[in-house]
N, C-alpha and C. Protein backbone atom coordinates (compact mmCIF):
# COMPACT_ATOMS: atom_id res chain seq x y z
N MET A 1 -21.15 -86.76 74.68
CA MET A 1 -20.53 -87.23 72.95
C MET A 1 -20.94 -85.83 72.17
N ALA A 2 -19.58 -85.77 71.24
CA ALA A 2 -19.49 -84.30 70.80
C ALA A 2 -20.07 -84.99 69.31
N THR A 3 -20.85 -84.06 68.80
CA THR A 3 -21.28 -84.11 67.41
C THR A 3 -20.40 -83.71 66.45
N GLY A 4 -20.43 -84.09 65.19
CA GLY A 4 -19.15 -83.39 64.05
C GLY A 4 -19.73 -81.96 63.44
N THR A 5 -20.83 -81.55 63.96
CA THR A 5 -21.19 -80.59 63.30
C THR A 5 -20.22 -79.15 63.60
N THR A 6 -19.77 -78.66 62.90
CA THR A 6 -18.97 -77.26 62.99
C THR A 6 -19.55 -76.02 61.82
N LYS A 7 -19.22 -75.27 62.07
CA LYS A 7 -20.25 -73.61 61.92
C LYS A 7 -19.05 -73.46 60.50
N GLN A 8 -19.76 -73.03 59.25
CA GLN A 8 -18.77 -72.66 58.10
C GLN A 8 -19.01 -71.30 58.33
N ARG A 9 -17.88 -70.81 57.79
CA ARG A 9 -17.50 -69.14 57.91
C ARG A 9 -18.13 -68.63 56.64
N LYS A 10 -18.82 -67.56 56.27
CA LYS A 10 -19.36 -67.04 55.47
C LYS A 10 -18.09 -66.15 54.27
N ARG A 11 -17.90 -66.39 53.08
CA ARG A 11 -16.97 -65.88 52.78
C ARG A 11 -17.26 -64.50 52.70
N GLY A 12 -15.95 -63.23 52.44
CA GLY A 12 -16.47 -62.07 52.30
C GLY A 12 -17.07 -61.20 53.50
N GLY A 13 -17.74 -62.41 54.45
CA GLY A 13 -18.09 -61.33 55.99
C GLY A 13 -19.37 -60.49 55.48
N GLY A 14 -19.94 -60.42 54.68
CA GLY A 14 -20.97 -59.39 54.38
C GLY A 14 -20.79 -58.42 53.55
N PRO A 15 -21.82 -57.34 53.26
CA PRO A 15 -21.82 -56.25 52.41
C PRO A 15 -20.69 -55.36 53.07
N ARG A 16 -19.47 -55.13 52.17
CA ARG A 16 -18.51 -53.74 52.63
C ARG A 16 -19.11 -52.48 51.58
N ALA A 17 -18.48 -50.96 52.39
CA ALA A 17 -18.45 -50.33 51.62
C ALA A 17 -17.33 -50.22 50.46
N LEU A 18 -17.58 -49.57 49.21
CA LEU A 18 -17.30 -49.68 48.17
C LEU A 18 -15.84 -48.93 48.51
N ALA A 19 -15.78 -47.86 48.77
CA ALA A 19 -14.59 -47.27 49.29
C ALA A 19 -13.15 -48.27 50.04
N THR A 20 -13.82 -49.01 51.27
CA THR A 20 -13.04 -50.10 51.61
C THR A 20 -12.70 -51.23 50.62
N SER A 21 -13.33 -51.45 49.57
CA SER A 21 -12.76 -52.59 48.89
C SER A 21 -11.74 -52.02 47.99
N LEU A 22 -11.92 -50.54 47.37
CA LEU A 22 -11.12 -49.87 46.14
C LEU A 22 -9.75 -49.54 46.88
N GLY A 23 -9.76 -49.31 48.04
CA GLY A 23 -8.63 -48.75 48.77
C GLY A 23 -7.48 -49.70 48.76
N GLY A 24 -7.78 -50.80 48.40
CA GLY A 24 -6.39 -51.84 48.24
C GLY A 24 -5.90 -52.19 46.60
N ILE A 25 -7.13 -51.78 45.67
CA ILE A 25 -7.10 -52.11 44.36
C ILE A 25 -6.09 -50.54 43.78
N THR A 26 -6.62 -49.65 44.38
CA THR A 26 -5.90 -48.40 44.03
C THR A 26 -4.53 -48.02 44.53
N LYS A 27 -4.45 -48.39 45.83
CA LYS A 27 -2.88 -48.78 46.20
C LYS A 27 -1.89 -49.30 45.65
N ASN A 28 -2.35 -50.27 45.01
CA ASN A 28 -1.49 -50.94 43.95
C ASN A 28 -1.01 -50.27 42.58
N ILE A 29 -2.20 -49.80 42.09
CA ILE A 29 -2.06 -48.73 41.07
C ILE A 29 -1.01 -47.50 41.24
N PHE A 30 -1.50 -46.91 42.43
CA PHE A 30 -1.00 -45.72 42.73
C PHE A 30 0.50 -45.79 43.15
N GLY A 31 0.83 -47.08 43.56
CA GLY A 31 2.04 -47.70 44.27
C GLY A 31 3.06 -47.89 42.73
N GLN A 32 2.40 -48.42 41.92
CA GLN A 32 3.04 -48.56 40.70
C GLN A 32 3.78 -47.25 39.74
N ARG A 33 2.87 -46.20 40.07
CA ARG A 33 3.26 -44.56 39.81
C ARG A 33 3.87 -43.95 40.73
N GLY A 34 4.53 -44.52 41.92
CA GLY A 34 5.07 -43.68 42.94
C GLY A 34 4.44 -42.50 43.44
N LEU A 35 2.81 -43.16 43.71
CA LEU A 35 1.91 -42.28 44.30
C LEU A 35 1.62 -42.62 45.70
N ALA A 36 2.47 -43.32 46.28
CA ALA A 36 1.87 -44.20 47.62
C ALA A 36 0.24 -44.33 47.43
N ASP A 37 -0.32 -43.67 48.07
CA ASP A 37 -1.64 -44.18 48.19
C ASP A 37 -2.94 -43.18 47.44
N GLY A 38 -2.20 -42.57 46.60
CA GLY A 38 -2.81 -41.72 45.98
C GLY A 38 -3.14 -39.87 46.73
N ALA A 39 -2.83 -40.73 48.21
CA ALA A 39 -2.82 -39.08 48.74
C ALA A 39 -2.51 -37.73 48.19
N ILE A 40 -1.54 -37.74 47.53
CA ILE A 40 -1.02 -36.33 46.92
C ILE A 40 -2.07 -35.98 45.66
N LEU A 41 -2.36 -36.89 45.04
CA LEU A 41 -3.46 -36.26 44.07
C LEU A 41 -4.85 -35.73 44.57
N LYS A 42 -5.43 -36.29 45.74
CA LYS A 42 -6.65 -36.29 46.58
C LYS A 42 -5.98 -34.90 47.57
N ASP A 43 -5.08 -35.03 47.46
CA ASP A 43 -4.77 -33.41 48.57
C ASP A 43 -4.22 -32.24 48.16
N TRP A 44 -4.39 -32.42 46.32
CA TRP A 44 -2.86 -31.98 45.73
C TRP A 44 -3.61 -30.04 45.81
N ALA A 45 -4.47 -29.68 46.16
CA ALA A 45 -4.97 -28.41 46.55
C ALA A 45 -4.38 -27.83 47.71
N GLN A 46 -4.65 -28.51 48.70
CA GLN A 46 -3.99 -28.29 50.00
C GLN A 46 -2.60 -28.04 49.96
N ILE A 47 -2.13 -29.27 49.37
CA ILE A 47 -0.05 -28.94 49.24
C ILE A 47 0.14 -28.12 48.52
N ALA A 48 -0.40 -27.79 47.02
CA ALA A 48 0.05 -26.67 46.40
C ALA A 48 -0.75 -25.46 46.02
N GLY A 49 -1.59 -25.39 47.23
CA GLY A 49 -2.36 -23.87 46.75
C GLY A 49 -3.42 -24.08 46.00
N ALA A 50 -4.52 -23.39 45.90
CA ALA A 50 -5.49 -23.58 44.99
C ALA A 50 -5.31 -23.19 43.51
N GLN A 51 -4.77 -22.02 43.31
CA GLN A 51 -4.36 -21.40 42.17
C GLN A 51 -3.11 -22.58 41.15
N MET A 52 -2.23 -23.16 42.29
CA MET A 52 -1.06 -24.05 41.79
C MET A 52 -1.93 -25.27 41.03
N ALA A 53 -2.90 -25.81 41.93
CA ALA A 53 -3.74 -26.94 41.76
C ALA A 53 -4.55 -26.93 40.52
N ALA A 54 -5.39 -26.04 40.39
CA ALA A 54 -6.22 -25.45 39.35
C ALA A 54 -5.17 -25.72 37.80
N HIS A 55 -3.88 -25.28 37.73
CA HIS A 55 -3.39 -25.22 36.68
C HIS A 55 -2.19 -26.49 36.48
N SER A 56 -2.23 -27.33 37.39
CA SER A 56 -1.01 -28.33 37.62
C SER A 56 -1.59 -29.94 38.03
N GLN A 57 -1.20 -30.95 37.73
CA GLN A 57 -1.73 -32.17 38.36
C GLN A 57 -0.30 -32.97 38.22
N PRO A 58 0.08 -34.00 39.50
CA PRO A 58 0.84 -34.69 39.76
C PRO A 58 0.73 -35.72 38.89
N GLU A 59 1.95 -36.33 38.11
CA GLU A 59 1.64 -37.87 37.07
C GLU A 59 2.44 -38.74 37.96
N LYS A 60 3.44 -38.47 38.79
CA LYS A 60 4.09 -39.92 39.69
C LYS A 60 5.25 -39.25 40.26
N ILE A 61 5.78 -40.36 41.22
CA ILE A 61 7.17 -39.95 41.44
C ILE A 61 8.06 -40.58 41.55
N SER A 62 9.34 -40.73 40.87
CA SER A 62 9.83 -41.86 40.67
C SER A 62 11.10 -41.40 41.54
N TYR A 63 11.37 -42.56 42.10
CA TYR A 63 12.65 -42.43 43.35
C TYR A 63 14.06 -43.11 42.36
N PRO A 64 15.12 -42.76 42.62
CA PRO A 64 16.58 -43.46 42.49
C PRO A 64 16.03 -45.00 42.97
N GLN A 65 16.92 -46.03 42.05
CA GLN A 65 16.53 -47.19 42.63
C GLN A 65 17.31 -47.80 43.77
N GLY A 66 16.39 -48.39 44.58
CA GLY A 66 16.71 -48.78 46.16
C GLY A 66 16.58 -48.07 47.21
N ALA A 67 15.76 -46.86 46.73
CA ALA A 67 15.73 -45.46 47.67
C ALA A 67 14.09 -45.52 47.94
N GLY A 68 14.09 -44.92 48.80
CA GLY A 68 12.34 -44.85 49.27
C GLY A 68 12.20 -43.04 49.25
N ASP A 69 13.50 -42.20 49.04
CA ASP A 69 13.05 -40.92 49.29
C ASP A 69 14.12 -40.40 48.00
N GLY A 70 13.82 -38.71 48.19
CA GLY A 70 14.49 -38.19 47.51
C GLY A 70 14.30 -38.34 46.06
N GLY A 71 12.72 -38.33 45.42
CA GLY A 71 12.51 -38.58 44.17
C GLY A 71 12.11 -37.04 43.77
N THR A 72 11.83 -37.61 42.12
CA THR A 72 11.35 -36.52 41.57
C THR A 72 10.17 -36.83 41.10
N LEU A 73 9.28 -35.51 41.25
CA LEU A 73 8.11 -35.49 40.95
C LEU A 73 7.72 -35.22 39.77
N HIS A 74 7.08 -35.74 39.07
CA HIS A 74 6.85 -35.41 37.58
C HIS A 74 5.19 -34.71 37.72
N LEU A 75 5.24 -33.37 37.03
CA LEU A 75 4.26 -32.30 37.50
C LEU A 75 3.54 -32.23 35.96
N ARG A 76 2.59 -32.04 35.28
CA ARG A 76 2.11 -31.96 34.33
C ARG A 76 1.20 -30.32 34.82
N ILE A 77 1.81 -29.30 33.65
CA ILE A 77 1.29 -27.93 34.05
C ILE A 77 0.63 -27.59 32.69
N ASP A 78 -0.77 -26.68 32.74
CA ASP A 78 -1.29 -26.49 31.50
C ASP A 78 -1.02 -25.02 31.00
N SER A 79 -0.09 -24.53 31.77
CA SER A 79 0.40 -23.32 30.90
C SER A 79 1.98 -22.45 31.42
N GLY A 80 2.18 -22.39 30.09
CA GLY A 80 4.01 -21.74 30.24
C GLY A 80 4.11 -20.47 31.39
N ALA A 81 3.19 -19.66 31.34
CA ALA A 81 3.13 -18.57 32.48
C ALA A 81 3.17 -19.48 34.17
N MET A 82 2.41 -20.47 34.20
CA MET A 82 2.64 -21.25 35.25
C MET A 82 3.72 -21.85 35.55
N ALA A 83 4.18 -22.46 34.32
CA ALA A 83 5.43 -23.35 34.55
C ALA A 83 6.36 -22.62 35.16
N THR A 84 6.69 -21.51 34.63
CA THR A 84 7.76 -20.42 35.18
C THR A 84 7.59 -20.00 36.33
N GLU A 85 6.29 -19.64 36.77
CA GLU A 85 6.11 -19.57 38.19
C GLU A 85 6.55 -20.27 39.04
N LEU A 86 6.17 -21.78 38.35
CA LEU A 86 6.65 -22.76 39.39
C LEU A 86 8.09 -23.04 39.48
N GLN A 87 8.98 -22.60 38.18
CA GLN A 87 10.25 -22.48 38.69
C GLN A 87 11.00 -22.18 39.95
N HIS A 88 10.19 -20.53 39.72
CA HIS A 88 10.37 -20.04 40.81
C HIS A 88 9.99 -20.31 42.15
N LEU A 89 8.87 -21.28 42.34
CA LEU A 89 8.42 -21.51 43.58
C LEU A 89 8.62 -22.87 43.59
N GLN A 90 9.79 -23.65 42.75
CA GLN A 90 9.89 -24.64 43.27
C GLN A 90 10.71 -25.40 44.89
N PRO A 91 11.21 -24.35 44.88
CA PRO A 91 11.82 -25.01 46.91
C PRO A 91 10.56 -24.81 47.64
N LEU A 92 9.68 -23.84 47.56
CA LEU A 92 8.76 -24.17 48.59
C LEU A 92 7.89 -25.14 48.06
N LEU A 93 7.56 -25.27 46.85
CA LEU A 93 6.84 -26.61 46.89
C LEU A 93 7.21 -27.82 47.27
N ILE A 94 8.56 -27.81 46.88
CA ILE A 94 9.38 -29.24 47.61
C ILE A 94 9.22 -28.88 49.30
N GLU A 95 9.22 -27.93 49.74
CA GLU A 95 9.31 -28.43 50.84
C GLU A 95 7.43 -28.42 51.60
N ARG A 96 6.91 -28.03 50.86
CA ARG A 96 5.24 -28.28 51.34
C ARG A 96 4.80 -29.94 50.74
N ILE A 97 5.52 -30.09 50.06
CA ILE A 97 5.04 -31.76 49.80
C ILE A 97 5.80 -32.60 51.04
N ASN A 98 7.15 -32.23 51.20
CA ASN A 98 8.08 -33.00 52.13
C ASN A 98 7.25 -33.08 53.24
N GLY A 99 6.81 -31.86 53.60
CA GLY A 99 6.12 -31.46 55.10
C GLY A 99 4.70 -32.48 54.96
N TYR A 100 4.11 -32.25 53.69
CA TYR A 100 3.21 -33.16 53.86
C TYR A 100 3.45 -34.99 53.98
N PHE A 101 4.02 -35.62 53.76
CA PHE A 101 4.72 -36.66 53.75
C PHE A 101 5.23 -36.70 55.13
N GLY A 102 5.89 -36.11 55.63
CA GLY A 102 6.61 -36.16 57.02
C GLY A 102 8.02 -36.76 56.71
N PHE A 103 8.29 -36.89 55.45
CA PHE A 103 10.00 -37.09 55.19
C PHE A 103 10.54 -36.44 53.83
N LYS A 104 11.37 -36.90 53.31
CA LYS A 104 12.02 -36.27 52.21
C LYS A 104 11.77 -36.92 51.16
N ALA A 105 10.58 -36.82 50.54
CA ALA A 105 10.31 -37.64 49.56
C ALA A 105 10.68 -37.11 48.29
N VAL A 106 10.34 -36.11 47.95
CA VAL A 106 10.89 -34.90 46.72
C VAL A 106 11.86 -34.59 46.55
N ASP A 107 13.00 -34.80 46.07
CA ASP A 107 14.06 -33.64 45.65
C ASP A 107 14.01 -32.70 44.65
N ARG A 108 13.49 -32.90 43.72
CA ARG A 108 13.39 -31.74 42.58
C ARG A 108 11.70 -32.45 41.87
N VAL A 109 11.55 -31.46 40.95
CA VAL A 109 10.28 -31.44 40.40
C VAL A 109 10.42 -31.50 38.74
N LYS A 110 10.21 -32.05 38.07
CA LYS A 110 10.00 -32.15 36.44
C LYS A 110 8.61 -32.01 36.07
N ILE A 111 8.70 -30.38 35.27
CA ILE A 111 7.75 -30.01 34.44
C ILE A 111 7.48 -30.30 33.39
N THR A 112 6.59 -31.14 33.17
CA THR A 112 6.04 -31.16 31.65
C THR A 112 5.00 -30.63 31.35
N GLN A 113 4.63 -29.40 30.19
CA GLN A 113 3.72 -28.95 29.82
C GLN A 113 2.98 -29.17 28.75
N GLY A 114 1.48 -29.00 29.27
CA GLY A 114 0.17 -29.74 28.30
C GLY A 114 -1.14 -29.47 28.81
N PRO A 115 -2.07 -30.21 28.41
CA PRO A 115 -3.49 -30.54 28.87
C PRO A 115 -3.73 -31.02 29.87
N LEU A 116 -4.06 -30.58 30.85
CA LEU A 116 -4.50 -31.33 31.80
C LEU A 116 -5.70 -32.05 31.63
N PRO A 117 -6.12 -33.48 32.13
CA PRO A 117 -6.95 -34.37 31.94
C PRO A 117 -8.24 -33.38 32.56
N ASP A 118 -9.47 -33.82 32.15
CA ASP A 118 -10.82 -33.24 32.56
C ASP A 118 -11.12 -33.61 33.62
N ARG A 119 -11.43 -32.75 34.55
CA ARG A 119 -12.00 -32.98 35.96
C ARG A 119 -13.30 -33.22 36.28
N ASP A 120 -13.68 -34.23 37.21
CA ASP A 120 -15.19 -34.17 37.01
C ASP A 120 -15.32 -33.02 38.17
N GLU A 121 -15.92 -32.13 37.84
CA GLU A 121 -16.32 -31.02 39.05
C GLU A 121 -17.84 -31.15 38.71
N LYS A 122 -18.34 -31.53 39.66
CA LYS A 122 -19.79 -31.67 40.06
C LYS A 122 -20.78 -29.97 39.83
N ARG A 123 -21.43 -29.75 38.81
CA ARG A 123 -22.16 -28.94 38.72
C ARG A 123 -23.43 -28.62 39.90
N PRO A 124 -23.48 -27.62 40.34
CA PRO A 124 -24.65 -27.71 41.54
C PRO A 124 -25.98 -28.19 40.47
N TRP A 125 -26.52 -28.94 41.56
CA TRP A 125 -28.11 -29.19 40.89
C TRP A 125 -29.21 -28.47 41.16
N SER A 126 -30.19 -28.04 40.60
CA SER A 126 -31.31 -27.37 41.11
C SER A 126 -32.54 -27.70 40.11
N PRO A 127 -33.72 -28.27 41.06
CA PRO A 127 -34.70 -28.63 40.75
C PRO A 127 -35.52 -28.15 39.69
N ARG A 128 -35.79 -28.62 38.37
CA ARG A 128 -36.82 -27.81 37.70
C ARG A 128 -38.17 -27.42 38.53
N LYS A 129 -38.80 -26.29 37.78
CA LYS A 129 -39.52 -25.47 38.51
C LYS A 129 -40.89 -26.74 38.28
N LEU A 130 -42.07 -26.97 39.39
CA LEU A 130 -42.82 -27.64 39.03
C LEU A 130 -43.98 -26.78 38.62
N GLU A 131 -44.75 -27.79 37.69
CA GLU A 131 -45.97 -27.00 37.00
C GLU A 131 -47.15 -26.62 38.29
N ASP A 132 -48.05 -25.99 37.79
CA ASP A 132 -49.32 -25.67 38.91
C ASP A 132 -50.06 -27.12 39.28
N GLY A 133 -50.19 -28.04 38.25
CA GLY A 133 -50.37 -29.17 38.75
C GLY A 133 -49.74 -30.41 39.77
N GLU A 134 -48.59 -29.86 39.38
CA GLU A 134 -47.84 -30.71 40.31
C GLU A 134 -48.02 -30.28 41.67
N GLU A 135 -47.61 -29.03 41.75
CA GLU A 135 -47.55 -27.88 43.10
C GLU A 135 -48.79 -28.46 43.86
N HIS A 136 -49.91 -28.55 43.07
CA HIS A 136 -51.28 -28.37 43.88
C HIS A 136 -51.50 -29.88 44.34
N GLY A 137 -50.84 -30.89 43.42
CA GLY A 137 -50.97 -32.11 44.05
C GLY A 137 -49.96 -32.32 45.37
N LEU A 138 -48.95 -31.75 45.32
CA LEU A 138 -47.94 -31.83 46.36
C LEU A 138 -48.43 -31.38 47.77
N ALA A 139 -49.20 -29.77 47.72
CA ALA A 139 -49.88 -29.27 48.67
C ALA A 139 -50.86 -30.39 48.81
N GLU A 140 -52.12 -30.67 48.19
CA GLU A 140 -53.21 -31.67 48.61
C GLU A 140 -52.37 -32.67 49.52
N SER A 141 -51.58 -33.48 48.83
CA SER A 141 -51.01 -34.72 49.82
C SER A 141 -50.35 -34.11 51.00
N LEU A 142 -49.94 -33.32 51.55
CA LEU A 142 -49.36 -32.56 52.91
C LEU A 142 -50.30 -31.94 53.86
N MET A 143 -51.68 -32.11 53.27
CA MET A 143 -52.53 -31.28 53.80
C MET A 143 -53.03 -31.57 55.21
N ASP A 144 -52.88 -33.10 55.68
CA ASP A 144 -53.08 -33.52 56.83
C ASP A 144 -52.17 -33.44 57.99
N VAL A 145 -50.92 -32.87 57.49
CA VAL A 145 -49.89 -32.97 58.38
C VAL A 145 -50.09 -31.58 59.00
N ASP A 146 -50.32 -31.66 60.34
CA ASP A 146 -50.38 -30.56 61.28
C ASP A 146 -49.22 -29.41 61.76
N ASP A 147 -47.97 -30.55 61.79
CA ASP A 147 -46.87 -29.52 62.37
C ASP A 147 -46.44 -28.41 60.86
N GLU A 148 -46.64 -27.44 61.03
CA GLU A 148 -45.42 -26.26 60.38
C GLU A 148 -44.56 -26.82 59.77
N ASP A 149 -43.68 -26.64 60.57
CA ASP A 149 -42.32 -27.04 60.29
C ASP A 149 -41.91 -28.20 59.34
N ILE A 150 -42.77 -29.16 59.94
CA ILE A 150 -42.44 -30.62 59.15
C ILE A 150 -43.24 -30.56 57.74
N ARG A 151 -44.12 -29.77 57.69
CA ARG A 151 -44.98 -29.52 56.28
C ARG A 151 -44.18 -29.05 55.42
N GLU A 152 -43.20 -27.92 55.98
CA GLU A 152 -42.61 -27.11 54.97
C GLU A 152 -41.03 -28.19 54.50
N ALA A 153 -40.90 -29.12 55.29
CA ALA A 153 -39.62 -29.58 55.33
C ALA A 153 -39.88 -30.58 54.22
N LEU A 154 -41.14 -31.29 54.25
CA LEU A 154 -41.80 -32.33 53.27
C LEU A 154 -42.06 -31.44 51.75
N GLN A 155 -42.50 -30.49 51.82
CA GLN A 155 -43.08 -29.75 50.82
C GLN A 155 -41.78 -29.54 49.93
N ALA A 156 -40.70 -29.08 50.33
CA ALA A 156 -39.16 -29.11 49.98
C ALA A 156 -38.54 -29.82 49.32
N LEU A 157 -38.78 -31.20 50.30
CA LEU A 157 -38.30 -32.55 49.92
C LEU A 157 -39.49 -32.81 48.76
N GLY A 158 -40.60 -32.78 48.40
CA GLY A 158 -41.33 -33.38 47.56
C GLY A 158 -40.90 -32.42 46.33
N ARG A 159 -40.86 -31.23 46.26
CA ARG A 159 -40.16 -30.51 45.27
C ARG A 159 -39.09 -30.90 44.59
N ALA A 160 -38.21 -31.32 45.13
CA ALA A 160 -36.77 -31.89 44.90
C ALA A 160 -36.61 -33.07 44.01
N VAL A 161 -37.90 -33.90 44.65
CA VAL A 161 -37.83 -35.26 44.01
C VAL A 161 -38.85 -35.34 42.66
N ILE A 162 -39.83 -34.56 43.09
CA ILE A 162 -40.77 -34.32 41.74
C ILE A 162 -39.59 -33.42 40.30
N GLY A 163 -39.17 -32.63 40.96
CA GLY A 163 -38.27 -31.59 40.08
C GLY A 163 -37.45 -32.14 39.64
N ARG A 164 -36.93 -33.39 40.26
CA ARG A 164 -35.92 -34.12 39.26
C ARG A 164 -36.43 -34.85 38.31
N SER A 165 -37.56 -35.74 38.56
CA SER A 165 -37.99 -36.71 38.10
C SER A 165 -38.22 -35.80 36.28
N GLN A 166 -37.65 -36.92 35.32
CA GLN A 166 -37.99 -36.35 34.03
C GLN A 166 -39.08 -37.04 33.37
N ASP A 167 -40.28 -36.68 32.84
CA ASP A 167 -41.70 -37.24 32.56
C ASP A 167 -41.44 -37.80 31.11
C-alpha cells in the first residue's frame, strides 16, 4: 500500500556564490549595452594593452539593426593625445577585439573624449605597528607553541589581526 507522502523540493537549492547569481543579472544589463557578458570590460587591459586601457574604457557596442556582427565600439578616452594615437592604431585595435571575440564583432571605433569613471583600484593594505603591550601580549599567548615555524606564522597572523583592529 503506497502512502501519499511526497518530498517537497527546497526552493533555491541552498546557498550559492554571489558571483553565480550576479552573472545572470549583469548579462542582461551588459547585453542591453551591446557588451555581451561584460567580458570586454573585464579583459579590456588584455585586449587593448595596459597603456591604452589606462586611458580608455569601452562604453557600448552598437550593431546595425538585425546584425550580430560588424558593430561600432563606442570608446571613451581621457586625453586628446591618446585619442590621436588611437586613430592611428584603430585597425590594430579592431583586429585585437575581433580576435578576442572570435568573430568580426567590431568594424569601427567611435571615440568620445571625456573623463573616465573612477576605478576602484585597491590600495595595498598594511597593518599598523603594534604597541609594546600588544606585542608582549601576543608573544605571551604564543609561548606554549613548540614548533618555531608555526609560532612565527601565528605571530604574523596575530600582528595582522591586531594591527587591523581600530580601538
